[in-house]
Every structure is written in structure tokens, then in C-alpha cells.
């Protein structure tokens, strides 16, 4: 899993029927210090996240399973919301 920040929402007038009711967000991948890395991408939301939140996301085959109970045509999927980031280092 990787970290990202949700930067915006995507609205579609036409999409694959398997995406009906699925929220699509623009996410900015982040490194372990929460600094942006790479380009922003579109991800399907499987956990009810909102704009501005830090989330876990997956890509490739795992992304097709981000929405419970069905497979979707997606390259990236949001699978968790980050509540807190800590470190064991003293």
C-alpha cells in the first residue's frame, strides 16, 4: 500500500456500468514524509474517504478489488483512511 492525499473529485457523464455509484478521486501520491511524489492519478474510493484526507491506495490487480463485493475496471483504488502517522524512532 502507498500513501496519497485526495486533491479533488472526478465527475463522469458516461462510464463503465461497473463504476455506477463509485466515487472517483484525484489523488497525489506521497512519500513517507508526506511530500508529493510523481503525478496525480485517478483512484476509485472503496472506503468513503473525502477531499483533503491522507489515504492508503493500491494499484494494478489489487485496485480492481477496492470496492467490496464486485470487481471494477480501475488502475488505482483507495483502501484505507489514515488517522494518524507516528514513528517508533526516539
C-alpha atoms as a PDB file:
ATOM      1  CA  UNK A   1       0.000   0.000   0.000  1.00  0.00           C
ATOM      2  CA  UNK A   2       1.049   3.549  -0.668  1.00  0.00           C
ATOM      3  CA  UNK A   3       0.114   6.947   0.777  1.00  0.00           C
ATOM      4  CA  UNK A   4      -1.702   9.751  -1.055  1.00  0.00           C
ATOM      5  CA  UNK A   5      -3.683  12.931  -0.403  1.00  0.00           C
ATOM      6  CA  UNK A   6      -7.082  13.365  -2.026  1.00  0.00           C
ATOM      7  CA  UNK A   7      -6.936  16.556  -4.100  1.00  0.00           C
ATOM      8  CA  UNK A   8     -10.267  16.518  -5.935  1.00  0.00           C
ATOM      9  CA  UNK A   9     -13.233  14.599  -7.249  1.00  0.00           C
ATOM     10  CA  UNK A  10     -13.992  13.352 -10.769  1.00  0.00           C
ATOM     11  CA  UNK A  11     -17.486  13.611 -12.249  1.00  0.00           C
ATOM     12  CA  UNK A  12     -18.360  11.437 -15.271  1.00  0.00           C
ATOM     13  CA  UNK A  13     -21.343  11.754 -17.595  1.00  0.00           C
ATOM     14  CA  UNK A  14     -20.605   8.318 -19.047  1.00  0.00           C
ATOM     15  CA  UNK A  15     -18.598   5.437 -17.575  1.00  0.00           C
ATOM     16  CA  UNK A  16     -18.384   1.666 -17.426  1.00  0.00           C
ATOM     17  CA  UNK A  17     -21.567   0.272 -15.796  1.00  0.00           C
ATOM     18  CA  UNK A  18     -19.398  -1.463 -13.164  1.00  0.00           C
ATOM     19  CA  UNK A  19     -18.431   2.011 -11.885  1.00  0.00           C
ATOM     20  CA  UNK A  20     -22.029   3.028 -11.157  1.00  0.00           C
ATOM     21  CA  UNK A  21     -22.113   4.602  -7.690  1.00  0.00           C
ATOM     22  CA  UNK A  22     -18.323   4.537  -7.285  1.00  0.00           C
ATOM     23  CA  UNK A  23     -16.643   7.795  -6.248  1.00  0.00           C
ATOM     24  CA  UNK A  24     -13.556   8.673  -8.274  1.00  0.00           C
ATOM     25  CA  UNK A  25     -10.948  10.973  -6.746  1.00  0.00           C
ATOM     26  CA  UNK A  26      -7.793  12.693  -7.944  1.00  0.00           C
ATOM     27  CA  UNK A  27      -5.011  11.608  -5.588  1.00  0.00           C
ATOM     28  CA  UNK A  28      -1.469  12.900  -5.154  1.00  0.00           C
ATOM     29  CA  UNK A  29       0.947  10.098  -4.210  1.00  0.00           C
ATOM     30  CA  UNK A  30       3.104  10.940  -1.158  1.00  0.00           C
ATOM     31  CA  UNK A  31       6.392   9.705   0.275  1.00  0.00           C
ATOM     32  CA  UNK A  32       6.866   8.650   3.913  1.00  0.00           C
ATOM     33  CA  UNK A  33       7.358  12.320   4.891  1.00  0.00           C
ATOM     34  CA  UNK A  34       4.042  13.215   3.186  1.00  0.00           C
ATOM     35  CA  UNK A  35       5.800  15.089   0.371  1.00  0.00           C
ATOM     36  CA  UNK A  36       4.305  14.811  -3.146  1.00  0.00           C
ATOM     37  CA  UNK A  37       5.937  12.300  -5.489  1.00  0.00           C
ATOM     38  CA  UNK A  38       5.081  11.706  -9.117  1.00  0.00           C
ATOM     39  CA  UNK A  39       1.973  12.783 -10.976  1.00  0.00           C
ATOM     40  CA  UNK A  40      -1.576  12.907  -9.647  1.00  0.00           C
ATOM     41  CA  UNK A  41      -3.803   9.990 -10.662  1.00  0.00           C
ATOM     42  CA  UNK A  42      -7.459   8.949 -10.521  1.00  0.00           C
ATOM     43  CA  UNK A  43      -8.458   6.334  -7.931  1.00  0.00           C
ATOM     44  CA  UNK A  44     -11.729   4.590  -7.080  1.00  0.00           C
ATOM     45  CA  UNK A  45     -12.822   5.107  -3.477  1.00  0.00           C
ATOM     46  CA  UNK A  46     -13.678   1.935  -1.573  1.00  0.00           C
ATOM     47  CA  UNK A  47     -13.805   3.349   1.958  1.00  0.00           C
ATOM     48  CA  UNK A  48     -15.838   6.580   1.946  1.00  0.00           C
ATOM     49  CA  UNK A  49     -12.929   8.999   2.016  1.00  0.00           C
ATOM     50  CA  UNK A  50     -13.152  12.758   1.438  1.00  0.00           C
ATOM     51  CA  UNK A  51     -11.138  15.508  -0.197  1.00  0.00           C
ATOM     52  CA  UNK A  52      -8.088  16.583   1.803  1.00  0.00           C
ATOM     53  CA  UNK A  53      -7.647  13.264   3.631  1.00  0.00           C
ATOM     54  CA  UNK A  54      -4.489  11.153   3.616  1.00  0.00           C
ATOM     55  CA  UNK A  55      -5.306   7.645   2.382  1.00  0.00           C
ATOM     56  CA  UNK A  56      -3.786   4.253   1.602  1.00  0.00           C
ATOM     57  CA  UNK A  57      -4.084   3.197  -2.018  1.00  0.00           C
ATOM     58  CA  UNK A  58      -3.232   0.194  -4.149  1.00  0.00           C
ATOM     59  CA  UNK A  59      -2.603  -0.234  -7.849  1.00  0.00           C
ATOM     60  CA  UNK A  60      -2.719  -2.890 -10.556  1.00  0.00           C
ATOM     61  CA  UNK A  61      -4.773  -6.043  -9.858  1.00  0.00           C
ATOM     62  CA  UNK A  62      -5.449  -5.068  -6.238  1.00  0.00           C
ATOM     63  CA  UNK A  63      -7.164  -1.865  -7.403  1.00  0.00           C
ATOM     64  CA  UNK A  64      -9.881  -3.881  -9.150  1.00  0.00           C
ATOM     65  CA  UNK A  65     -10.860  -5.243  -5.717  1.00  0.00           C
ATOM     66  CA  UNK A  66     -11.083  -1.865  -3.910  1.00  0.00           C
ATOM     67  CA  UNK A  67     -14.880  -1.875  -3.938  1.00  0.00           C
ATOM     68  CA  UNK A  68     -16.345  -4.637  -1.755  1.00  0.00           C
ATOM     69  CA  UNK A  69     -18.494  -7.324  -3.384  1.00  0.00           C
ATOM     70  CA  UNK A  70     -17.501  -6.513  -7.002  1.00  0.00           C
ATOM     71  CA  UNK A  71     -14.600  -6.100  -9.384  1.00  0.00           C
ATOM     72  CA  UNK A  72     -14.218  -2.729 -11.076  1.00  0.00           C
ATOM     73  CA  UNK A  73     -12.187  -1.503 -14.042  1.00  0.00           C
ATOM     74  CA  UNK A  74      -9.600   0.588 -12.180  1.00  0.00           C
ATOM     75  CA  UNK A  75      -5.830   1.042 -12.068  1.00  0.00           C
ATOM     76  CA  UNK A  76      -5.833   2.606  -8.575  1.00  0.00           C
ATOM     77  CA  UNK A  77      -8.085   2.126  -5.574  1.00  0.00           C
ATOM     78  CA  UNK A  78      -8.357   3.795  -2.168  1.00  0.00           C
ATOM     79  CA  UNK A  79      -8.457   1.095   0.525  1.00  0.00           C
ATOM     80  CA  UNK A  80      -7.878   2.949   3.799  1.00  0.00           C
ATOM     81  CA  UNK A  81      -8.038   6.317   5.548  1.00  0.00           C
ATOM     82  CA  UNK A  82      -5.012   7.386   7.607  1.00  0.00           C
ATOM     83  CA  UNK A  83      -5.970   8.545  11.107  1.00  0.00           C
ATOM     84  CA  UNK A  84      -2.501   9.149  12.469  1.00  0.00           C
ATOM     85  CA  UNK A  85       1.121   8.830  11.420  1.00  0.00           C
ATOM     86  CA  UNK A  86       3.674   8.036  14.077  1.00  0.00           C
ATOM     87  CA  UNK A  87       7.156   6.660  14.450  1.00  0.00           C
ATOM     88  CA  UNK A  88       8.804   4.181  16.792  1.00  0.00           C
ATOM     89  CA  UNK A  89      12.051   6.140  16.470  1.00  0.00           C
ATOM     90  CA  UNK A  90      13.028   8.143  19.530  1.00  0.00           C
END
